[in-house]
C-alpha atoms as a PDB file:
ATOM      1  CA  UNK A   1       5.052   9.799  -6.663  1.00  0.00           C
ATOM      2  CA  UNK A   2       8.208   7.847  -6.251  1.00  0.00           C
ATOM      3  CA  UNK A   3       8.537   5.111  -8.904  1.00  0.00           C
ATOM      4  CA  UNK A   4       8.834   1.373  -8.184  1.00  0.00           C
ATOM      5  CA  UNK A   5      10.782  -1.252 -10.387  1.00  0.00           C
ATOM      6  CA  UNK A   6       8.702  -4.083 -11.791  1.00  0.00           C
ATOM      7  CA  UNK A   7      10.915  -6.622 -10.353  1.00  0.00           C
ATOM      8  CA  UNK A   8      10.300  -5.277  -6.722  1.00  0.00           C
ATOM      9  CA  UNK A   9       6.568  -5.387  -7.327  1.00  0.00           C
ATOM     10  CA  UNK A  10       6.741  -8.944  -8.573  1.00  0.00           C
ATOM     11  CA  UNK A  11       8.973  -9.942  -5.616  1.00  0.00           C
ATOM     12  CA  UNK A  12       6.652  -8.681  -2.999  1.00  0.00           C
ATOM     13  CA  UNK A  13       3.382  -9.828  -4.617  1.00  0.00           C
ATOM     14  CA  UNK A  14       3.001 -13.192  -2.889  1.00  0.00           C
ATOM     15  CA  UNK A  15       3.665 -11.581   0.471  1.00  0.00           C
ATOM     16  CA  UNK A  16       0.993  -9.039  -0.281  1.00  0.00           C
ATOM     17  CA  UNK A  17      -1.460 -11.617  -1.283  1.00  0.00           C
ATOM     18  CA  UNK A  18      -0.843 -13.752   2.024  1.00  0.00           C
ATOM     19  CA  UNK A  19      -1.294 -10.535   4.134  1.00  0.00           C
ATOM     20  CA  UNK A  20      -4.271  -8.861   2.584  1.00  0.00           C
ATOM     21  CA  UNK A  21      -7.620  -9.089   4.622  1.00  0.00           C
ATOM     22  CA  UNK A  22      -9.757 -11.658   2.991  1.00  0.00           C
ATOM     23  CA  UNK A  23     -12.656 -10.526   5.115  1.00  0.00           C
ATOM     24  CA  UNK A  24     -12.647  -6.937   3.986  1.00  0.00           C
ATOM     25  CA  UNK A  25     -12.072  -7.935   0.161  1.00  0.00           C
ATOM     26  CA  UNK A  26     -15.206 -10.302   0.539  1.00  0.00           C
ATOM     27  CA  UNK A  27     -17.150  -7.378   1.970  1.00  0.00           C
ATOM     28  CA  UNK A  28     -16.288  -5.194  -1.070  1.00  0.00           C
ATOM     29  CA  UNK A  29     -17.066  -7.981  -3.348  1.00  0.00           C
ATOM     30  CA  UNK A  30     -20.613  -8.571  -1.783  1.00  0.00           C
ATOM     31  CA  UNK A  31     -21.350  -4.928  -2.155  1.00  0.00           C
ATOM     32  CA  UNK A  32     -20.183  -4.861  -5.716  1.00  0.00           C
ATOM     33  CA  UNK A  33     -22.584  -7.704  -6.469  1.00  0.00           C
ATOM     34  CA  UNK A  34     -25.383  -5.320  -6.281  1.00  0.00           C
ATOM     35  CA  UNK A  35     -24.483  -3.656  -9.563  1.00  0.00           C
ATOM     36  CA  UNK A  36     -24.371  -4.937 -13.062  1.00  0.00           C
ATOM     37  CA  UNK A  37     -20.888  -4.895 -14.557  1.00  0.00           C
ATOM     38  CA  UNK A  38     -19.407  -2.696 -11.687  1.00  0.00           C
ATOM     39  CA  UNK A  39     -16.376  -0.687 -12.376  1.00  0.00           C
ATOM     40  CA  UNK A  40     -13.535  -0.549  -9.889  1.00  0.00           C
ATOM     41  CA  UNK A  41     -10.663   1.860 -10.042  1.00  0.00           C
ATOM     42  CA  UNK A  42      -7.115   0.854  -8.546  1.00  0.00           C
ATOM     43  CA  UNK A  43      -4.956   3.805  -7.786  1.00  0.00           C
ATOM     44  CA  UNK A  44      -1.145   3.289  -8.035  1.00  0.00           C
ATOM     45  CA  UNK A  45      -1.943   0.001  -9.835  1.00  0.00           C
ATOM     46  CA  UNK A  46       1.683  -0.691 -10.835  1.00  0.00           C
ATOM     47  CA  UNK A  47       1.645  -4.049 -12.817  1.00  0.00           C
ATOM     48  CA  UNK A  48      -1.949  -4.915 -11.725  1.00  0.00           C
ATOM     49  CA  UNK A  49      -1.110  -7.005  -8.669  1.00  0.00           C
ATOM     50  CA  UNK A  50      -4.125  -5.432  -6.702  1.00  0.00           C
ATOM     51  CA  UNK A  51      -6.517  -6.390  -9.578  1.00  0.00           C
ATOM     52  CA  UNK A  52      -5.155  -9.874  -9.413  1.00  0.00           C
ATOM     53  CA  UNK A  53      -5.719 -10.116  -5.869  1.00  0.00           C
ATOM     54  CA  UNK A  54      -9.111  -8.733  -5.729  1.00  0.00           C
ATOM     55  CA  UNK A  55     -10.727 -10.100  -8.891  1.00  0.00           C
ATOM     56  CA  UNK A  56     -11.286 -13.694  -7.677  1.00  0.00           C
ATOM     57  CA  UNK A  57     -13.567 -12.136  -4.905  1.00  0.00           C
ATOM     58  CA  UNK A  58     -15.431  -9.662  -7.131  1.00  0.00           C
ATOM     59  CA  UNK A  59     -18.128 -10.299  -9.658  1.00  0.00           C
ATOM     60  CA  UNK A  60     -16.972 -11.824 -12.848  1.00  0.00           C
ATOM     61  CA  UNK A  61     -18.511  -8.992 -14.788  1.00  0.00           C
ATOM     62  CA  UNK A  62     -16.324  -6.368 -12.887  1.00  0.00           C
ATOM     63  CA  UNK A  63     -14.642  -3.870 -15.123  1.00  0.00           C
ATOM     64  CA  UNK A  64     -11.246  -2.284 -14.165  1.00  0.00           C
ATOM     65  CA  UNK A  65      -9.626   1.024 -14.560  1.00  0.00           C
ATOM     66  CA  UNK A  66      -5.942   0.875 -13.432  1.00  0.00           C
ATOM     67  CA  UNK A  67      -4.309   4.260 -12.643  1.00  0.00           C
ATOM     68  CA  UNK A  68      -0.632   4.851 -12.290  1.00  0.00           C
ATOM     69  CA  UNK A  69       1.985   7.439 -13.239  1.00  0.00           C
ATOM     70  CA  UNK A  70       4.224   4.875 -14.739  1.00  0.00           C
ATOM     71  CA  UNK A  71       3.378   3.770 -18.304  1.00  0.00           C
ATOM     72  CA  UNK A  72       5.998   1.170 -18.410  1.00  0.00           C
ATOM     73  CA  UNK A  73       4.458  -0.667 -15.508  1.00  0.00           C
ATOM     74  CA  UNK A  74       0.912  -0.502 -16.787  1.00  0.00           C
ATOM     75  CA  UNK A  75       2.128  -1.690 -20.110  1.00  0.00           C
ATOM     76  CA  UNK A  76       3.031  -5.096 -18.426  1.00  0.00           C
ATOM     77  CA  UNK A  77      -0.672  -5.728 -17.536  1.00  0.00           C
ATOM     78  CA  UNK A  78      -2.092  -8.469 -19.838  1.00  0.00           C
ATOM     79  CA  UNK A  79      -5.741  -8.784 -19.110  1.00  0.00           C
ATOM     80  CA  UNK A  80      -8.870  -8.302 -21.065  1.00  0.00           C
ATOM     81  CA  UNK A  81     -11.409  -5.660 -20.324  1.00  0.00           C
ATOM     82  CA  UNK A  82      -8.935  -3.427 -18.476  1.00  0.00           C
ATOM     83  CA  UNK A  83      -8.562   0.294 -18.948  1.00  0.00           C
ATOM     84  CA  UNK A  84      -5.008   1.576 -18.297  1.00  0.00           C
ATOM     85  CA  UNK A  85      -4.863   5.234 -17.317  1.00  0.00           C
ATOM     86  CA  UNK A  86      -1.473   7.039 -17.048  1.00  0.00           C
ATOM     87  CA  UNK A  87      -2.223   9.992 -14.613  1.00  0.00           C
ATOM     88  CA  UNK A  88      -0.551  12.299 -12.059  1.00  0.00           C
ATOM     89  CA  UNK A  89      -2.185  11.215  -8.821  1.00  0.00           C
ATOM     90  CA  UNK A  90      -0.015  13.953  -6.933  1.00  0.00           C
ATOM     91  CA  UNK A  91      -1.947  16.565  -8.794  1.00  0.00           C
ATOM     92  CA  UNK A  92      -5.271  14.918  -8.537  1.00  0.00           C
ATOM     93  CA  UNK A  93      -6.200  11.846  -6.281  1.00  0.00           C
ATOM     94  CA  UNK A  94      -9.566  11.408  -7.794  1.00  0.00           C
ATOM     95  CA  UNK A  95      -8.679   9.922 -11.144  1.00  0.00           C
ATOM     96  CA  UNK A  96     -11.442   7.417 -11.014  1.00  0.00           C
ATOM     97  CA  UNK A  97     -14.096   7.441 -13.958  1.00  0.00           C
ATOM     98  CA  UNK A  98     -17.582   8.809 -13.337  1.00  0.00           C
ATOM     99  CA  UNK A  99     -18.990   5.271 -13.592  1.00  0.00           C
ATOM    100  CA  UNK A 100     -16.787   3.987 -10.804  1.00  0.00           C
ATOM    101  CA  UNK A 101     -18.426   1.933  -7.995  1.00  0.00           C
ATOM    102  CA  UNK A 102     -15.335   1.238  -5.903  1.00  0.00           C
ATOM    103  CA  UNK A 103     -11.797   2.723  -5.410  1.00  0.00           C
ATOM    104  CA  UNK A 104      -8.911   0.330  -4.358  1.00  0.00           C
ATOM    105  CA  UNK A 105      -5.254   0.963  -3.522  1.00  0.00           C
ATOM    106  CA  UNK A 106      -2.364  -1.184  -2.121  1.00  0.00           C
ATOM    107  CA  UNK A 107       0.726   0.050  -0.239  1.00  0.00           C
ATOM    108  CA  UNK A 108      -0.097   3.658  -1.498  1.00  0.00           C
ATOM    109  CA  UNK A 109      -1.275   5.884   1.283  1.00  0.00           C
ATOM    110  CA  UNK A 110       1.702   5.758   3.530  1.00  0.00           C
ATOM    111  CA  UNK A 111       3.555   7.560   0.538  1.00  0.00           C
ATOM    112  CA  UNK A 112       1.003  10.461   0.623  1.00  0.00           C
ATOM    113  CA  UNK A 113       1.114  13.802   2.407  1.00  0.00           C
ATOM    114  CA  UNK A 114      -1.443  14.545   5.053  1.00  0.00           C
ATOM    115  CA  UNK A 115      -2.977  17.162   2.773  1.00  0.00           C
ATOM    116  CA  UNK A 116      -3.160  14.742  -0.024  1.00  0.00           C
ATOM    117  CA  UNK A 117      -5.164  12.260   2.185  1.00  0.00           C
ATOM    118  CA  UNK A 118      -7.583  15.142   2.993  1.00  0.00           C
ATOM    119  CA  UNK A 119      -8.185  15.679  -0.574  1.00  0.00           C
ATOM    120  CA  UNK A 120      -8.659  12.090  -1.459  1.00  0.00           C
ATOM    121  CA  UNK A 121     -11.287  11.662   1.360  1.00  0.00           C
ATOM    122  CA  UNK A 122     -13.087  14.758   0.287  1.00  0.00           C
ATOM    123  CA  UNK A 123     -13.156  13.613  -3.179  1.00  0.00           C
ATOM    124  CA  UNK A 124     -14.503  10.000  -2.321  1.00  0.00           C
ATOM    125  CA  UNK A 125     -17.196  11.691  -0.032  1.00  0.00           C
ATOM    126  CA  UNK A 126     -18.327  13.990  -2.758  1.00  0.00           C
ATOM    127  CA  UNK A 127     -18.628  10.972  -5.061  1.00  0.00           C
ATOM    128  CA  UNK A 128     -20.039   8.772  -2.452  1.00  0.00           C
ATOM    129  CA  UNK A 129     -17.598   6.064  -3.241  1.00  0.00           C
ATOM    130  CA  UNK A 130     -16.404   3.237  -1.091  1.00  0.00           C
ATOM    131  CA  UNK A 131     -12.769   2.659  -0.596  1.00  0.00           C
ATOM    132  CA  UNK A 132     -10.781  -0.666  -0.179  1.00  0.00           C
ATOM    133  CA  UNK A 133      -7.278   0.048   0.995  1.00  0.00           C
ATOM    134  CA  UNK A 134      -4.748  -2.648   1.642  1.00  0.00           C
ATOM    135  CA  UNK A 135      -1.259  -2.924   3.132  1.00  0.00           C
ATOM    136  CA  UNK A 136      -0.537   0.564   4.372  1.00  0.00           C
ATOM    137  CA  UNK A 137       2.617   0.412   6.369  1.00  0.00           C
ATOM    138  CA  UNK A 138       2.014   1.249  10.061  1.00  0.00           C
ATOM    139  CA  UNK A 139       5.576   1.542  11.551  1.00  0.00           C
ATOM    140  CA  UNK A 140       5.672  -1.690  13.316  1.00  0.00           C
ATOM    141  CA  UNK A 141       8.605  -4.004  12.675  1.00  0.00           C
ATOM    142  CA  UNK A 142       9.682  -7.208  14.375  1.00  0.00           C
ATOM    143  CA  UNK A 143      12.883  -9.105  13.786  1.00  0.00           C
ATOM    144  CA  UNK A 144      14.119 -12.426  15.088  1.00  0.00           C
ATOM    145  CA  UNK A 145      16.548 -12.961  16.368  1.00  0.00           C
ATOM    146  CA  UNK A 146      17.077  -9.262  17.705  1.00  0.00           C
ATOM    147  CA  UNK A 147      20.128  -7.130  17.110  1.00  0.00           C
ATOM    148  CA  UNK A 148      21.255  -4.289  19.243  1.00  0.00           C
ATOM    149  CA  UNK A 149      21.002  -1.836  16.527  1.00  0.00           C
ATOM    150  CA  UNK A 150      17.498  -2.783  15.434  1.00  0.00           C
ATOM    151  CA  UNK A 151      15.690  -0.013  17.362  1.00  0.00           C
ATOM    152  CA  UNK A 152      17.928   2.625  15.867  1.00  0.00           C
ATOM    153  CA  UNK A 153      17.477   1.273  12.408  1.00  0.00           C
ATOM    154  CA  UNK A 154      13.669   0.973  12.677  1.00  0.00           C
ATOM    155  CA  UNK A 155      13.461   4.607  13.940  1.00  0.00           C
ATOM    156  CA  UNK A 156      15.680   5.811  11.082  1.00  0.00           C
ATOM    157  CA  UNK A 157      13.672   3.966   8.483  1.00  0.00           C
ATOM    158  CA  UNK A 158      10.378   5.392   9.875  1.00  0.00           C
ATOM    159  CA  UNK A 159      11.858   8.854   9.859  1.00  0.00           C
ATOM    160  CA  UNK A 160      12.730   8.297   6.164  1.00  0.00           C
ATOM    161  CA  UNK A 161       9.199   7.131   5.498  1.00  0.00           C
ATOM    162  CA  UNK A 162       8.030  10.647   6.315  1.00  0.00           C
ATOM    163  CA  UNK A 163      10.053  12.264   3.569  1.00  0.00           C
ATOM    164  CA  UNK A 164       8.479  13.387   0.290  1.00  0.00           C
ATOM    165  CA  UNK A 165       7.511  10.359  -1.840  1.00  0.00           C
ATOM    166  CA  UNK A 166       5.935  12.340  -4.626  1.00  0.00           C
ATOM    167  CA  UNK A 167       2.319  12.501  -3.417  1.00  0.00           C
ATOM    168  CA  UNK A 168       1.774  16.052  -2.231  1.00  0.00           C
ATOM    169  CA  UNK A 169       4.855  16.724   0.066  1.00  0.00           C
ATOM    170  CA  UNK A 170       6.224  14.969   3.135  1.00  0.00           C
ATOM    171  CA  UNK A 171       4.528  11.777   3.588  1.00  0.00           C
ATOM    172  CA  UNK A 172       2.305  10.629   6.426  1.00  0.00           C
ATOM    173  CA  UNK A 173       4.181   7.372   6.505  1.00  0.00           C
ATOM    174  CA  UNK A 174       3.341   5.165   9.438  1.00  0.00           C
ATOM    175  CA  UNK A 175       0.564   7.587  10.511  1.00  0.00           C
ATOM    176  CA  UNK A 176      -1.327   7.477   7.111  1.00  0.00           C
ATOM    177  CA  UNK A 177      -3.727   4.767   8.056  1.00  0.00           C
ATOM    178  CA  UNK A 178      -4.775   6.453  11.254  1.00  0.00           C
ATOM    179  CA  UNK A 179      -5.233   9.666   9.516  1.00  0.00           C
ATOM    180  CA  UNK A 180      -7.226   8.201   6.559  1.00  0.00           C
ATOM    181  CA  UNK A 181      -9.628   6.317   9.130  1.00  0.00           C
ATOM    182  CA  UNK A 182     -10.175   9.633  10.869  1.00  0.00           C
ATOM    183  CA  UNK A 183     -10.814  11.528   7.860  1.00  0.00           C
ATOM    184  CA  UNK A 184     -13.238   9.156   6.351  1.00  0.00           C
ATOM    185  CA  UNK A 185     -15.235   8.816   9.686  1.00  0.00           C
ATOM    186  CA  UNK A 186     -15.443  12.668   9.750  1.00  0.00           C
ATOM    187  CA  UNK A 187     -17.089  12.355   6.304  1.00  0.00           C
ATOM    188  CA  UNK A 188     -19.640   9.885   7.709  1.00  0.00           C
ATOM    189  CA  UNK A 189     -18.059   6.790   6.455  1.00  0.00           C
ATOM    190  CA  UNK A 190     -18.376   3.398   8.269  1.00  0.00           C
ATOM    191  CA  UNK A 191     -14.902   1.997   8.530  1.00  0.00           C
ATOM    192  CA  UNK A 192     -13.901  -1.594   8.959  1.00  0.00           C
ATOM    193  CA  UNK A 193     -10.167  -2.289   9.689  1.00  0.00           C
ATOM    194  CA  UNK A 194      -7.843  -5.171   9.860  1.00  0.00           C
ATOM    195  CA  UNK A 195      -4.231  -5.759  10.810  1.00  0.00           C
ATOM    196  CA  UNK A 196      -2.419  -7.309   7.761  1.00  0.00           C
ATOM    197  CA  UNK A 197       1.258  -7.751   8.616  1.00  0.00           C
ATOM    198  CA  UNK A 198       3.805  -9.422   6.378  1.00  0.00           C
ATOM    199  CA  UNK A 199       5.107 -12.406   8.236  1.00  0.00           C
ATOM    200  CA  UNK A 200       8.158 -13.422   6.436  1.00  0.00           C
ATOM    201  CA  UNK A 201      10.246 -16.631   7.075  1.00  0.00           C
ATOM    202  CA  UNK A 202      14.027 -16.533   6.623  1.00  0.00           C
ATOM    203  CA  UNK A 203      14.178 -19.523   4.474  1.00  0.00           C
ATOM    204  CA  UNK A 204      11.017 -19.272   2.386  1.00  0.00           C
ATOM    205  CA  UNK A 205      11.237 -15.568   1.893  1.00  0.00           C
ATOM    206  CA  UNK A 206      14.968 -15.048   1.914  1.00  0.00           C
ATOM    207  CA  UNK A 207      15.103 -13.097  -1.372  1.00  0.00           C
ATOM    208  CA  UNK A 208      12.324 -10.648  -0.331  1.00  0.00           C
ATOM    209  CA  UNK A 209      13.931 -10.199   3.205  1.00  0.00           C
ATOM    210  CA  UNK A 210      17.146  -9.383   1.656  1.00  0.00           C
ATOM    211  CA  UNK A 211      15.754  -6.635  -0.595  1.00  0.00           C
ATOM    212  CA  UNK A 212      13.738  -5.126   2.216  1.00  0.00           C
ATOM    213  CA  UNK A 213      16.873  -4.995   4.630  1.00  0.00           C
ATOM    214  CA  UNK A 214      19.061  -3.676   1.836  1.00  0.00           C
ATOM    215  CA  UNK A 215      16.527  -1.042   1.182  1.00  0.00           C
ATOM    216  CA  UNK A 216      16.097  -0.093   4.844  1.00  0.00           C
ATOM    217  CA  UNK A 217      19.980   0.169   5.342  1.00  0.00           C
ATOM    218  CA  UNK A 218      20.267   2.519   2.398  1.00  0.00           C
ATOM    219  CA  UNK A 219      17.212   4.685   3.533  1.00  0.00           C
ATOM    220  CA  UNK A 220      18.473   4.864   7.190  1.00  0.00           C
ATOM    221  CA  UNK A 221      21.825   6.400   6.661  1.00  0.00           C
ATOM    222  CA  UNK A 222      21.957  10.041   7.917  1.00  0.00           C
ATOM    223  CA  UNK A 223      18.734   9.830  10.045  1.00  0.00           C
ATOM    224  CA  UNK A 224      18.463   9.339  13.763  1.00  0.00           C
ATOM    225  CA  UNK A 225      22.258   9.112  14.152  1.00  0.00           C
ATOM    226  CA  UNK A 226      22.741   6.253  11.762  1.00  0.00           C
ATOM    227  CA  UNK A 227      26.102   6.493   9.860  1.00  0.00           C
ATOM    228  CA  UNK A 228      26.825   4.576   6.722  1.00  0.00           C
ATOM    229  CA  UNK A 229      29.220   2.359   8.644  1.00  0.00           C
ATOM    230  CA  UNK A 230      26.604   1.518  11.297  1.00  0.00           C
ATOM    231  CA  UNK A 231      24.111   0.711   8.614  1.00  0.00           C
ATOM    232  CA  UNK A 232      26.488  -1.546   6.732  1.00  0.00           C
ATOM    233  CA  UNK A 233      27.583  -3.392   9.987  1.00  0.00           C
ATOM    234  CA  UNK A 234      23.857  -3.941  10.839  1.00  0.00           C
ATOM    235  CA  UNK A 235      22.990  -5.075   7.257  1.00  0.00           C
ATOM    236  CA  UNK A 236      25.733  -7.673   7.345  1.00  0.00           C
ATOM    237  CA  UNK A 237      24.588  -9.037  10.730  1.00  0.00           C
ATOM    238  CA  UNK A 238      21.011  -9.081   9.650  1.00  0.00           C
ATOM    239  CA  UNK A 239      21.547 -10.812   6.236  1.00  0.00           C
ATOM    240  CA  UNK A 240      23.487 -13.483   8.194  1.00  0.00           C
ATOM    241  CA  UNK A 241      20.816 -14.150  10.717  1.00  0.00           C
ATOM    242  CA  UNK A 242      17.141 -13.143  10.309  1.00  0.00           C
ATOM    243  CA  UNK A 243      14.799 -16.086  10.985  1.00  0.00           C
ATOM    244  CA  UNK A 244      11.687 -13.998  10.858  1.00  0.00           C
ATOM    245  CA  UNK A 245      10.579 -10.533   9.720  1.00  0.00           C
ATOM    246  CA  UNK A 246       7.265  -8.957  10.587  1.00  0.00           C
ATOM    247  CA  UNK A 247       6.254  -5.826   8.993  1.00  0.00           C
ATOM    248  CA  UNK A 248       3.059  -4.157  10.095  1.00  0.00           C
ATOM    249  CA  UNK A 249       0.255  -3.035   7.785  1.00  0.00           C
ATOM    250  CA  UNK A 250      -3.353  -2.144   7.965  1.00  0.00           C
ATOM    251  CA  UNK A 251      -6.260  -2.704   5.596  1.00  0.00           C
ATOM    252  CA  UNK A 252      -9.636  -0.717   5.583  1.00  0.00           C
ATOM    253  CA  UNK A 253     -12.859  -0.980   3.773  1.00  0.00           C
ATOM    254  CA  UNK A 254     -14.946   2.285   4.055  1.00  0.00           C
ATOM    255  CA  UNK A 255     -18.366   2.719   2.876  1.00  0.00           C
ATOM    256  CA  UNK A 256     -20.485   6.161   2.870  1.00  0.00           C
ATOM    257  CA  UNK A 257     -23.276   6.347   5.377  1.00  0.00           C
ATOM    258  CA  UNK A 258     -26.536   5.066   3.872  1.00  0.00           C
ATOM    259  CA  UNK A 259     -24.927   2.490   1.552  1.00  0.00           C
END
């Protein structure tokens, strides 16, 4: 899968924390409380932001297995009782330990191919494991004030999101959450959902907004008629006047039937 820099993960962590569905996290925590020292496996764990967000809501006895393909990111995690596992999620989405009670992931599944999501859902069902998924990008973006080229840039970015990100082929991108919900429901899961957009303020979140807009401008070039010149002009205008940025995400908590 595509790698992420530690500084980007650190920059986005506060926005992720504010956006996550506390209701769904609390539901997962209540279910984990039925087990003594439950083990949670976080896929695509990076530097452990998901664990840091979930842990206050989970039993104090929770044990963690953090899986990522980037050993340098996992090495930055400083927490007792944590197992770090370097693994190729593209080859095998089911890298959780046999003793796992819950699988979690953050901002991961929109990077995955449709077939990879099929394999994940089948593996979860075979193991009868619940899934807590947070911050899957859903394709919805709002910018204030508007710019005449916003629509074209958003379309180009969403098109780029469907390119191969290293998880099984061309990514499902903005369609990933819907597909995963349908797959889990077909396996008999009860799925709870929540809308969890980033709501970024032009002053408070200026550094994150800049990083996001610069990334979009780079990704959009050559897609949906966006030239390098148009992307550069849009970026300059947006950096000079973006009061609000809303980026749509979805969370889900899915439990096998009978649990």
